[in-house]
C-alpha atoms as a PDB file:
ATOM      1  CA  UNK A   1    -149.310  68.082  30.082  1.00  0.00           C
ATOM      2  CA  UNK A   2    -149.115  67.448  33.639  1.00  0.00           C
ATOM      3  CA  UNK A   3    -152.618  66.593  34.012  1.00  0.00           C
ATOM      4  CA  UNK A   4    -152.060  63.829  31.374  1.00  0.00           C
ATOM      5  CA  UNK A   5    -148.907  62.783  33.386  1.00  0.00           C
ATOM      6  CA  UNK A   6    -150.664  62.953  36.667  1.00  0.00           C
ATOM      7  CA  UNK A   7    -153.789  60.988  35.404  1.00  0.00           C
ATOM      8  CA  UNK A   8    -151.403  58.191  34.739  1.00  0.00           C
ATOM      9  CA  UNK A   9    -153.957  55.171  33.782  1.00  0.00           C
ATOM     10  CA  UNK A  10    -153.240  51.900  32.624  1.00  0.00           C
ATOM     11  CA  UNK A  11    -151.714  53.015  29.236  1.00  0.00           C
ATOM     12  CA  UNK A  12    -152.099  50.874  26.208  1.00  0.00           C
ATOM     13  CA  UNK A  13    -152.579  47.161  26.184  1.00  0.00           C
ATOM     14  CA  UNK A  14    -150.036  44.466  25.479  1.00  0.00           C
ATOM     15  CA  UNK A  15    -151.196  43.923  21.897  1.00  0.00           C
ATOM     16  CA  UNK A  16    -147.978  42.393  20.630  1.00  0.00           C
ATOM     17  CA  UNK A  17    -148.556  39.516  23.155  1.00  0.00           C
ATOM     18  CA  UNK A  18    -151.873  38.783  21.448  1.00  0.00           C
ATOM     19  CA  UNK A  19    -152.358  36.567  18.393  1.00  0.00           C
ATOM     20  CA  UNK A  20    -156.062  36.513  17.857  1.00  0.00           C
ATOM     21  CA  UNK A  21    -158.224  35.439  14.837  1.00  0.00           C
ATOM     22  CA  UNK A  22    -158.691  38.380  12.004  1.00  0.00           C
ATOM     23  CA  UNK A  23    -162.513  39.085  11.906  1.00  0.00           C
ATOM     24  CA  UNK A  24    -162.311  41.377   9.082  1.00  0.00           C
ATOM     25  CA  UNK A  25    -162.636  45.115   8.889  1.00  0.00           C
ATOM     26  CA  UNK A  26    -164.954  47.541  10.779  1.00  0.00           C
ATOM     27  CA  UNK A  27    -166.434  50.916   9.629  1.00  0.00           C
ATOM     28  CA  UNK A  28    -163.970  52.788  11.917  1.00  0.00           C
ATOM     29  CA  UNK A  29    -161.942  55.509  10.647  1.00  0.00           C
ATOM     30  CA  UNK A  30    -159.509  57.801  12.076  1.00  0.00           C
ATOM     31  CA  UNK A  31    -159.456  61.231  10.106  1.00  0.00           C
ATOM     32  CA  UNK A  32    -156.283  63.469   9.663  1.00  0.00           C
ATOM     33  CA  UNK A  33    -157.639  65.738  12.141  1.00  0.00           C
ATOM     34  CA  UNK A  34    -157.247  62.880  15.048  1.00  0.00           C
ATOM     35  CA  UNK A  35    -161.362  62.353  15.213  1.00  0.00           C
ATOM     36  CA  UNK A  36    -162.493  58.764  15.596  1.00  0.00           C
ATOM     37  CA  UNK A  37    -165.534  58.025  13.215  1.00  0.00           C
ATOM     38  CA  UNK A  38    -167.709  54.846  13.594  1.00  0.00           C
ATOM     39  CA  UNK A  39    -170.075  54.179  10.418  1.00  0.00           C
ATOM     40  CA  UNK A  40    -169.365  58.044   9.423  1.00  0.00           C
ATOM     41  CA  UNK A  41    -170.412  59.425  12.745  1.00  0.00           C
ATOM     42  CA  UNK A  42    -167.726  60.997  15.055  1.00  0.00           C
ATOM     43  CA  UNK A  43    -167.194  59.360  18.458  1.00  0.00           C
ATOM     44  CA  UNK A  44    -168.286  61.831  20.799  1.00  0.00           C
ATOM     45  CA  UNK A  45    -167.029  60.208  23.807  1.00  0.00           C
ATOM     46  CA  UNK A  46    -163.290  61.002  24.312  1.00  0.00           C
ATOM     47  CA  UNK A  47    -162.959  58.054  26.794  1.00  0.00           C
ATOM     48  CA  UNK A  48    -164.227  55.554  24.248  1.00  0.00           C
ATOM     49  CA  UNK A  49    -161.924  56.765  21.685  1.00  0.00           C
ATOM     50  CA  UNK A  50    -158.996  56.412  24.067  1.00  0.00           C
ATOM     51  CA  UNK A  51    -160.314  53.008  24.820  1.00  0.00           C
ATOM     52  CA  UNK A  52    -160.052  52.275  21.194  1.00  0.00           C
ATOM     53  CA  UNK A  53    -156.501  53.878  20.660  1.00  0.00           C
ATOM     54  CA  UNK A  54    -155.182  51.579  23.758  1.00  0.00           C
ATOM     55  CA  UNK A  55    -155.857  48.424  21.772  1.00  0.00           C
ATOM     56  CA  UNK A  56    -154.683  49.951  18.570  1.00  0.00           C
ATOM     57  CA  UNK A  57    -151.900  48.157  16.468  1.00  0.00           C
ATOM     58  CA  UNK A  58    -150.324  48.303  13.117  1.00  0.00           C
ATOM     59  CA  UNK A  59    -149.551  45.181  10.922  1.00  0.00           C
ATOM     60  CA  UNK A  60    -147.537  46.357   7.997  1.00  0.00           C
ATOM     61  CA  UNK A  61    -149.673  48.972   6.464  1.00  0.00           C
ATOM     62  CA  UNK A  62    -152.999  47.873   8.181  1.00  0.00           C
ATOM     63  CA  UNK A  63    -154.339  49.332  11.365  1.00  0.00           C
ATOM     64  CA  UNK A  64    -156.174  47.084  13.493  1.00  0.00           C
ATOM     65  CA  UNK A  65    -157.906  47.045  16.845  1.00  0.00           C
ATOM     66  CA  UNK A  66    -156.828  44.045  18.795  1.00  0.00           C
ATOM     67  CA  UNK A  67    -158.169  42.003  21.765  1.00  0.00           C
ATOM     68  CA  UNK A  68    -156.912  38.769  23.132  1.00  0.00           C
ATOM     69  CA  UNK A  69    -159.895  37.203  21.466  1.00  0.00           C
ATOM     70  CA  UNK A  70    -160.438  39.089  17.896  1.00  0.00           C
ATOM     71  CA  UNK A  71    -158.739  41.515  15.760  1.00  0.00           C
ATOM     72  CA  UNK A  72    -160.573  44.042  13.090  1.00  0.00           C
ATOM     73  CA  UNK A  73    -159.087  46.334  10.562  1.00  0.00           C
ATOM     74  CA  UNK A  74    -159.762  49.899  10.510  1.00  0.00           C
ATOM     75  CA  UNK A  75    -159.016  53.024   8.269  1.00  0.00           C
ATOM     76  CA  UNK A  76    -156.487  55.683   9.072  1.00  0.00           C
ATOM     77  CA  UNK A  77    -156.417  58.719   7.020  1.00  0.00           C
ATOM     78  CA  UNK A  78    -152.858  59.856   7.785  1.00  0.00           C
ATOM     79  CA  UNK A  79    -151.573  58.504  11.268  1.00  0.00           C
ATOM     80  CA  UNK A  80    -153.632  57.720  14.240  1.00  0.00           C
ATOM     81  CA  UNK A  81    -152.672  60.400  16.607  1.00  0.00           C
ATOM     82  CA  UNK A  82    -151.811  64.185  16.784  1.00  0.00           C
ATOM     83  CA  UNK A  83    -149.188  65.704  18.866  1.00  0.00           C
ATOM     84  CA  UNK A  84    -150.973  68.602  20.503  1.00  0.00           C
ATOM     85  CA  UNK A  85    -148.686  70.036  23.216  1.00  0.00           C
ATOM     86  CA  UNK A  86    -144.986  70.118  23.549  1.00  0.00           C
ATOM     87  CA  UNK A  87    -142.827  71.165  26.718  1.00  0.00           C
ATOM     88  CA  UNK A  88    -139.065  71.149  26.841  1.00  0.00           C
ATOM     89  CA  UNK A  89    -137.088  69.296  29.678  1.00  0.00           C
ATOM     90  CA  UNK A  90    -133.538  70.718  30.315  1.00  0.00           C
ATOM     91  CA  UNK A  91    -131.284  68.545  32.144  1.00  0.00           C
ATOM     92  CA  UNK A  92    -127.485  68.523  32.666  1.00  0.00           C
ATOM     93  CA  UNK A  93    -126.996  66.267  29.640  1.00  0.00           C
ATOM     94  CA  UNK A  94    -129.180  68.254  27.310  1.00  0.00           C
ATOM     95  CA  UNK A  95    -132.632  68.827  26.649  1.00  0.00           C
ATOM     96  CA  UNK A  96    -135.526  66.695  25.839  1.00  0.00           C
ATOM     97  CA  UNK A  97    -138.830  67.561  23.953  1.00  0.00           C
ATOM     98  CA  UNK A  98    -141.914  65.884  25.701  1.00  0.00           C
ATOM     99  CA  UNK A  99    -145.169  65.773  23.594  1.00  0.00           C
ATOM    100  CA  UNK A 100    -148.625  65.288  24.368  1.00  0.00           C
ATOM    101  CA  UNK A 101    -151.180  63.207  21.871  1.00  0.00           C
ATOM    102  CA  UNK A 102    -154.770  63.997  21.489  1.00  0.00           C
ATOM    103  CA  UNK A 103    -155.203  60.666  23.440  1.00  0.00           C
ATOM    104  CA  UNK A 104    -153.126  61.960  26.321  1.00  0.00           C
ATOM    105  CA  UNK A 105    -150.108  59.756  25.614  1.00  0.00           C
ATOM    106  CA  UNK A 106    -146.841  61.300  26.985  1.00  0.00           C
ATOM    107  CA  UNK A 107    -143.863  60.863  24.692  1.00  0.00           C
ATOM    108  CA  UNK A 108    -140.380  61.807  25.394  1.00  0.00           C
ATOM    109  CA  UNK A 109    -138.493  62.519  22.148  1.00  0.00           C
ATOM    110  CA  UNK A 110    -135.334  60.510  21.598  1.00  0.00           C
ATOM    111  CA  UNK A 111    -134.163  57.045  20.631  1.00  0.00           C
ATOM    112  CA  UNK A 112    -137.160  54.895  20.249  1.00  0.00           C
ATOM    113  CA  UNK A 113    -139.405  57.859  19.969  1.00  0.00           C
ATOM    114  CA  UNK A 114    -137.822  59.534  17.049  1.00  0.00           C
ATOM    115  CA  UNK A 115    -138.990  62.438  14.781  1.00  0.00           C
ATOM    116  CA  UNK A 116    -139.240  62.142  11.265  1.00  0.00           C
ATOM    117  CA  UNK A 117    -139.931  64.729   8.674  1.00  0.00           C
ATOM    118  CA  UNK A 118    -141.878  63.844   5.381  1.00  0.00           C
ATOM    119  CA  UNK A 119    -142.201  66.243   2.308  1.00  0.00           C
ATOM    120  CA  UNK A 120    -145.302  68.159   2.637  1.00  0.00           C
ATOM    121  CA  UNK A 121    -147.609  69.569  -0.351  1.00  0.00           C
ATOM    122  CA  UNK A 122    -145.547  72.472  -1.206  1.00  0.00           C
ATOM    123  CA  UNK A 123    -141.937  72.918  -2.133  1.00  0.00           C
ATOM    124  CA  UNK A 124    -139.812  73.024   0.672  1.00  0.00           C
ATOM    125  CA  UNK A 125    -142.311  72.105   3.244  1.00  0.00           C
ATOM    126  CA  UNK A 126    -142.092  69.465   5.621  1.00  0.00           C
ATOM    127  CA  UNK A 127    -144.383  67.625   8.107  1.00  0.00           C
ATOM    128  CA  UNK A 128    -143.158  66.225  11.217  1.00  0.00           C
ATOM    129  CA  UNK A 129    -144.191  62.989  12.727  1.00  0.00           C
ATOM    130  CA  UNK A 130    -143.437  61.325  16.223  1.00  0.00           C
ATOM    131  CA  UNK A 131    -143.255  57.778  16.944  1.00  0.00           C
ATOM    132  CA  UNK A 132    -145.289  56.941  19.577  1.00  0.00           C
ATOM    133  CA  UNK A 133    -145.465  53.344  20.335  1.00  0.00           C
ATOM    134  CA  UNK A 134    -145.144  50.034  18.271  1.00  0.00           C
ATOM    135  CA  UNK A 135    -145.093  51.774  14.703  1.00  0.00           C
ATOM    136  CA  UNK A 136    -147.981  53.966  15.675  1.00  0.00           C
ATOM    137  CA  UNK A 137    -147.094  57.859  15.168  1.00  0.00           C
ATOM    138  CA  UNK A 138    -148.482  61.322  15.693  1.00  0.00           C
ATOM    139  CA  UNK A 139    -148.461  64.163  13.236  1.00  0.00           C
ATOM    140  CA  UNK A 140    -147.704  67.429  14.967  1.00  0.00           C
ATOM    141  CA  UNK A 141    -150.328  70.022  14.758  1.00  0.00           C
ATOM    142  CA  UNK A 142    -149.392  73.083  12.571  1.00  0.00           C
ATOM    143  CA  UNK A 143    -149.034  75.356  15.656  1.00  0.00           C
ATOM    144  CA  UNK A 144    -146.753  72.584  17.305  1.00  0.00           C
ATOM    145  CA  UNK A 145    -144.693  72.144  14.080  1.00  0.00           C
ATOM    146  CA  UNK A 146    -144.106  76.010  14.333  1.00  0.00           C
ATOM    147  CA  UNK A 147    -142.795  75.680  17.976  1.00  0.00           C
ATOM    148  CA  UNK A 148    -140.733  72.704  17.089  1.00  0.00           C
ATOM    149  CA  UNK A 149    -138.940  74.747  14.247  1.00  0.00           C
ATOM    150  CA  UNK A 150    -138.203  77.583  16.890  1.00  0.00           C
ATOM    151  CA  UNK A 151    -136.338  74.803  18.602  1.00  0.00           C
ATOM    152  CA  UNK A 152    -134.193  74.092  15.708  1.00  0.00           C
ATOM    153  CA  UNK A 153    -130.363  74.368  15.177  1.00  0.00           C
ATOM    154  CA  UNK A 154    -127.793  73.631  12.603  1.00  0.00           C
ATOM    155  CA  UNK A 155    -125.502  70.874  13.177  1.00  0.00           C
ATOM    156  CA  UNK A 156    -122.931  68.904  11.102  1.00  0.00           C
ATOM    157  CA  UNK A 157    -124.164  65.869   9.948  1.00  0.00           C
ATOM    158  CA  UNK A 158    -121.849  63.342   7.948  1.00  0.00           C
ATOM    159  CA  UNK A 159    -119.851  66.592   6.748  1.00  0.00           C
ATOM    160  CA  UNK A 160    -123.017  68.484   5.760  1.00  0.00           C
ATOM    161  CA  UNK A 161    -124.535  71.316   7.816  1.00  0.00           C
ATOM    162  CA  UNK A 162    -128.108  70.186   8.456  1.00  0.00           C
ATOM    163  CA  UNK A 163    -131.083  72.120  10.260  1.00  0.00           C
ATOM    164  CA  UNK A 164    -132.668  69.850  12.522  1.00  0.00           C
ATOM    165  CA  UNK A 165    -133.978  69.524  16.099  1.00  0.00           C
ATOM    166  CA  UNK A 166    -132.004  67.928  19.217  1.00  0.00           C
ATOM    167  CA  UNK A 167    -133.976  65.694  21.964  1.00  0.00           C
ATOM    168  CA  UNK A 168    -133.190  63.121  24.338  1.00  0.00           C
ATOM    169  CA  UNK A 169    -129.507  62.958  23.179  1.00  0.00           C
ATOM    170  CA  UNK A 170    -130.340  62.512  19.285  1.00  0.00           C
ATOM    171  CA  UNK A 171    -130.254  64.878  16.381  1.00  0.00           C
ATOM    172  CA  UNK A 172    -133.380  64.781  13.903  1.00  0.00           C
ATOM    173  CA  UNK A 173    -132.103  66.546  10.588  1.00  0.00           C
ATOM    174  CA  UNK A 174    -134.926  68.334   8.738  1.00  0.00           C
ATOM    175  CA  UNK A 175    -133.058  69.696   5.802  1.00  0.00           C
ATOM    176  CA  UNK A 176    -129.808  70.977   4.622  1.00  0.00           C
ATOM    177  CA  UNK A 177    -128.817  74.230   6.236  1.00  0.00           C
ATOM    178  CA  UNK A 178    -128.308  75.624   2.696  1.00  0.00           C
ATOM    179  CA  UNK A 179    -132.000  75.034   1.874  1.00  0.00           C
ATOM    180  CA  UNK A 180    -133.053  77.538   4.837  1.00  0.00           C
ATOM    181  CA  UNK A 181    -134.370  80.806   3.626  1.00  0.00           C
ATOM    182  CA  UNK A 182    -132.401  83.011   6.141  1.00  0.00           C
ATOM    183  CA  UNK A 183    -133.896  86.502   4.771  1.00  0.00           C
ATOM    184  CA  UNK A 184    -137.184  86.232   6.655  1.00  0.00           C
ATOM    185  CA  UNK A 185    -136.492  89.723   8.165  1.00  0.00           C
ATOM    186  CA  UNK A 186    -136.432  92.909   5.782  1.00  0.00           C
END
């Protein structure tokens, strides 16, 4: 996490300021595991994938790579990023969960960088996603999902006890507390 923050870098491009012509689609795909593919072959150079990620934008349900002179559509299996590391920053006004993505974005969870939980494949299964920037999200890895749930707590939300996660002055509900299986230990 510290290495990603110290590296700094230029960050994402100001794609929201650009309005280039649409040049169709390219055979670029971001797999559910976060791997970028060009014409079916994994992109082996992490720096190249990070460059592509810096010009990635979302227009409705379509993902595009956008430069000042052109934009091209790409395919994304789930979401474009994975959250791979998490740290907890404690402060007098509460804690903030800080995530690092597979593209070395460092994101402080809170207003504007919300957590959302989507129904998973099995009953009672929830998949956590983090808003990274401009409609682009990161899915938390399975291990990070477990670490996140360990940070969970029960709070009253609109008169109902909810299990969720607090970060950056916000509370992100996961499920009603009554749905928790509290008999985990024999």
